[in-house]
Amino acid sequence: MKIVRVVGQCIKFGNLCRKKEKSGQLTPSDVEQAEKVIIKQLQQKYPPTKHTAKNLNLVFDDDGLIRMQSRIQHCGDSEFANPIFLPDCAEAKLLNHQQHQTIMHGGPKATLTKIREKY
């Protein structure tokens, strides 16, 4: 998705200016960090209601992202056990559409599985 690459380039440029990195190439970790920044901004722009937060048992993680606490807390993989809360907005639907395209336009079940893996 174009916005993810643009945000990733902005993060990379900031790191280059602060001399934290020497390469100007966008790395997968930069893309992952950009996705987290975008999701964090979406969560701030469209915060969950108190009712939603209570029903889904939402908490903040170390990165400042809102995650859902599930029943499988002690499975070892905290990202799997605590999925990221994606608000119901047009921008989140674009992220979902990107995952749909990534799996070569698979069906709804395949898309949902990919989204659950990623977020």
C-alpha atoms as a PDB file:
ATOM      1  CA  MET A   1       0.000   0.000   0.000  1.00  0.00           C
ATOM      2  CA  LYS A   2       1.366   3.374  -0.947  1.00  0.00           C
ATOM      3  CA  ILE A   3       0.728   5.080   2.398  1.00  0.00           C
ATOM      4  CA  VAL A   4       2.721   2.392   4.223  1.00  0.00           C
ATOM      5  CA  ARG A   5       5.710   2.929   1.927  1.00  0.00           C
ATOM      6  CA  VAL A   6       5.460   6.727   2.281  1.00  0.00           C
ATOM      7  CA  VAL A   7       5.356   6.530   6.084  1.00  0.00           C
ATOM      8  CA  GLY A   8       8.216   4.014   5.976  1.00  0.00           C
ATOM      9  CA  GLN A   9      10.283   6.406   3.857  1.00  0.00           C
ATOM     10  CA  CYS A  10       9.559   9.228   6.339  1.00  0.00           C
ATOM     11  CA  ILE A  11      10.730   7.045   9.230  1.00  0.00           C
ATOM     12  CA  LYS A  12      13.826   6.047   7.248  1.00  0.00           C
ATOM     13  CA  PHE A  13      14.573   9.703   6.439  1.00  0.00           C
ATOM     14  CA  GLY A  14      14.263  10.636  10.111  1.00  0.00           C
ATOM     15  CA  ASN A  15      16.684   7.858  11.055  1.00  0.00           C
ATOM     16  CA  LEU A  16      19.123   8.960   8.341  1.00  0.00           C
ATOM     17  CA  CYS A  17      18.984  12.561   9.579  1.00  0.00           C
ATOM     18  CA  ARG A  18      19.686  11.407  13.133  1.00  0.00           C
ATOM     19  CA  LYS A  19      22.523   9.231  11.761  1.00  0.00           C
ATOM     20  CA  LYS A  20      20.991   6.066  13.223  1.00  0.00           C
ATOM     21  CA  GLU A  21      21.220   4.320   9.840  1.00  0.00           C
ATOM     22  CA  LYS A  22      23.535   4.525   6.863  1.00  0.00           C
ATOM     23  CA  SER A  23      21.424   2.887   4.151  1.00  0.00           C
ATOM     24  CA  GLY A  24      18.601   4.671   2.379  1.00  0.00           C
ATOM     25  CA  GLN A  25      16.812   1.456   1.356  1.00  0.00           C
ATOM     26  CA  LEU A  26      13.459   0.615   2.927  1.00  0.00           C
ATOM     27  CA  THR A  27      13.709  -2.574   4.999  1.00  0.00           C
ATOM     28  CA  PRO A  28      10.936  -4.933   6.125  1.00  0.00           C
ATOM     29  CA  SER A  29      11.341  -3.673   9.694  1.00  0.00           C
ATOM     30  CA  ASP A  30      10.746  -0.118   8.416  1.00  0.00           C
ATOM     31  CA  VAL A  31       7.540  -1.278   6.713  1.00  0.00           C
ATOM     32  CA  GLU A  32       6.415  -3.058   9.889  1.00  0.00           C
ATOM     33  CA  GLN A  33       7.147   0.050  11.952  1.00  0.00           C
ATOM     34  CA  ALA A  34       5.224   2.187   9.428  1.00  0.00           C
ATOM     35  CA  GLU A  35       2.206  -0.130   9.678  1.00  0.00           C
ATOM     36  CA  LYS A  36       2.281   0.179  13.471  1.00  0.00           C
ATOM     37  CA  VAL A  37       2.460   3.981  13.222  1.00  0.00           C
ATOM     38  CA  ILE A  38      -0.517   4.029  10.842  1.00  0.00           C
ATOM     39  CA  ILE A  39      -2.574   1.704  13.049  1.00  0.00           C
ATOM     40  CA  LYS A  40      -1.685   3.751  16.133  1.00  0.00           C
ATOM     41  CA  GLN A  41      -2.878   6.921  14.367  1.00  0.00           C
ATOM     42  CA  LEU A  42      -6.113   5.188  13.332  1.00  0.00           C
ATOM     43  CA  GLN A  43      -6.706   4.049  16.898  1.00  0.00           C
ATOM     44  CA  GLN A  44      -6.214   7.609  18.137  1.00  0.00           C
ATOM     45  CA  LYS A  45      -8.456   9.071  15.430  1.00  0.00           C
ATOM     46  CA  TYR A  46     -11.219   6.481  15.946  1.00  0.00           C
ATOM     47  CA  PRO A  47     -10.952   5.377  19.589  1.00  0.00           C
ATOM     48  CA  PRO A  48     -13.117   2.501  20.781  1.00  0.00           C
ATOM     49  CA  THR A  49     -16.208   3.339  22.772  1.00  0.00           C
ATOM     50  CA  LYS A  50     -16.308   2.422  26.456  1.00  0.00           C
ATOM     51  CA  HIS A  51     -18.791  -0.319  25.622  1.00  0.00           C
ATOM     52  CA  THR A  52     -16.480  -1.790  22.949  1.00  0.00           C
ATOM     53  CA  ALA A  53     -13.419  -1.519  25.188  1.00  0.00           C
ATOM     54  CA  LYS A  54     -15.207  -3.357  27.982  1.00  0.00           C
ATOM     55  CA  ASN A  55     -16.668  -6.094  25.773  1.00  0.00           C
ATOM     56  CA  LEU A  56     -13.411  -6.775  23.893  1.00  0.00           C
ATOM     57  CA  ASN A  57     -11.185  -6.375  26.972  1.00  0.00           C
ATOM     58  CA  LEU A  58      -8.900  -3.840  25.268  1.00  0.00           C
ATOM     59  CA  VAL A  59      -5.520  -2.864  26.733  1.00  0.00           C
ATOM     60  CA  PHE A  60      -2.476  -0.861  25.607  1.00  0.00           C
ATOM     61  CA  ASP A  61       0.718  -2.753  24.745  1.00  0.00           C
ATOM     62  CA  ASP A  62       4.347  -1.594  25.037  1.00  0.00           C
ATOM     63  CA  ASP A  63       4.213   0.139  21.621  1.00  0.00           C
ATOM     64  CA  GLY A  64       1.104   2.123  22.551  1.00  0.00           C
ATOM     65  CA  LEU A  65      -1.192   0.027  20.354  1.00  0.00           C
ATOM     66  CA  ILE A  66      -4.610  -1.036  21.589  1.00  0.00           C
ATOM     67  CA  ARG A  67      -4.819  -4.826  21.739  1.00  0.00           C
ATOM     68  CA  MET A  68      -7.526  -7.265  22.708  1.00  0.00           C
ATOM     69  CA  GLN A  69      -6.764  -9.607  25.582  1.00  0.00           C
ATOM     70  CA  SER A  70      -7.882 -13.083  24.635  1.00  0.00           C
ATOM     71  CA  ARG A  71      -8.277 -16.261  26.628  1.00  0.00           C
ATOM     72  CA  ILE A  72      -4.991 -17.700  25.338  1.00  0.00           C
ATOM     73  CA  GLN A  73      -2.702 -15.352  27.281  1.00  0.00           C
ATOM     74  CA  HIS A  74       0.093 -17.812  28.020  1.00  0.00           C
ATOM     75  CA  CYS A  75       0.665 -19.286  24.554  1.00  0.00           C
ATOM     76  CA  GLY A  76       4.102 -17.683  24.151  1.00  0.00           C
ATOM     77  CA  ASP A  77       3.372 -15.495  21.125  1.00  0.00           C
ATOM     78  CA  SER A  78       1.875 -12.316  22.571  1.00  0.00           C
ATOM     79  CA  GLU A  79       1.014 -10.894  19.123  1.00  0.00           C
ATOM     80  CA  PHE A  80      -1.099 -13.972  18.384  1.00  0.00           C
ATOM     81  CA  ALA A  81      -2.685 -14.061  21.832  1.00  0.00           C
ATOM     82  CA  ASN A  82      -3.421 -10.315  21.836  1.00  0.00           C
ATOM     83  CA  PRO A  83      -4.554  -9.174  18.374  1.00  0.00           C
ATOM     84  CA  ILE A  84      -4.469  -5.490  17.440  1.00  0.00           C
ATOM     85  CA  PHE A  85      -7.769  -3.603  17.591  1.00  0.00           C
ATOM     86  CA  LEU A  86      -8.590  -2.193  14.136  1.00  0.00           C
ATOM     87  CA  PRO A  87     -11.326   0.460  14.210  1.00  0.00           C
ATOM     88  CA  ASP A  88     -14.227   0.271  11.783  1.00  0.00           C
ATOM     89  CA  CYS A  89     -13.120   2.986   9.343  1.00  0.00           C
ATOM     90  CA  ALA A  90     -12.267   3.411   5.668  1.00  0.00           C
ATOM     91  CA  GLU A  91      -8.520   3.383   6.322  1.00  0.00           C
ATOM     92  CA  ALA A  92      -8.688   0.033   8.136  1.00  0.00           C
ATOM     93  CA  LYS A  93     -10.733  -1.349   5.251  1.00  0.00           C
ATOM     94  CA  LEU A  94      -7.866  -0.337   2.947  1.00  0.00           C
ATOM     95  CA  LEU A  95      -5.458  -2.338   5.115  1.00  0.00           C
ATOM     96  CA  ASN A  96      -7.845  -5.295   4.885  1.00  0.00           C
ATOM     97  CA  HIS A  97      -8.081  -4.871   1.107  1.00  0.00           C
ATOM     98  CA  GLN A  98      -4.287  -4.892   0.881  1.00  0.00           C
ATOM     99  CA  GLN A  99      -4.203  -8.259   2.658  1.00  0.00           C
ATOM    100  CA  HIS A 100      -6.908  -9.515   0.286  1.00  0.00           C
ATOM    101  CA  GLN A 101      -4.680  -8.590  -2.668  1.00  0.00           C
ATOM    102  CA  THR A 102      -1.621 -10.135  -0.989  1.00  0.00           C
ATOM    103  CA  ILE A 103      -3.271 -13.556  -0.949  1.00  0.00           C
ATOM    104  CA  MET A 104      -4.190 -13.230  -4.640  1.00  0.00           C
ATOM    105  CA  HIS A 105      -7.857 -12.345  -4.065  1.00  0.00           C
ATOM    106  CA  GLY A 106      -8.608 -15.398  -1.945  1.00  0.00           C
ATOM    107  CA  GLY A 107     -12.013 -15.850  -0.406  1.00  0.00           C
ATOM    108  CA  PRO A 108     -13.304 -14.239   2.778  1.00  0.00           C
ATOM    109  CA  LYS A 109     -11.977 -17.016   5.030  1.00  0.00           C
ATOM    110  CA  ALA A 110      -8.469 -16.814   3.569  1.00  0.00           C
ATOM    111  CA  THR A 111      -8.484 -13.018   3.840  1.00  0.00           C
ATOM    112  CA  LEU A 112      -9.656 -13.135   7.451  1.00  0.00           C
ATOM    113  CA  THR A 113      -6.967 -15.694   8.290  1.00  0.00           C
ATOM    114  CA  LYS A 114      -4.272 -13.472   6.749  1.00  0.00           C
ATOM    115  CA  ILE A 115      -5.571 -10.415   8.636  1.00  0.00           C
ATOM    116  CA  ARG A 116      -5.533 -12.370  11.912  1.00  0.00           C
ATOM    117  CA  GLU A 117      -1.964 -13.516  11.207  1.00  0.00           C
ATOM    118  CA  LYS A 118      -0.797 -10.000  10.420  1.00  0.00           C
ATOM    119  CA  TYR A 119      -2.643  -7.987  13.066  1.00  0.00           C
END
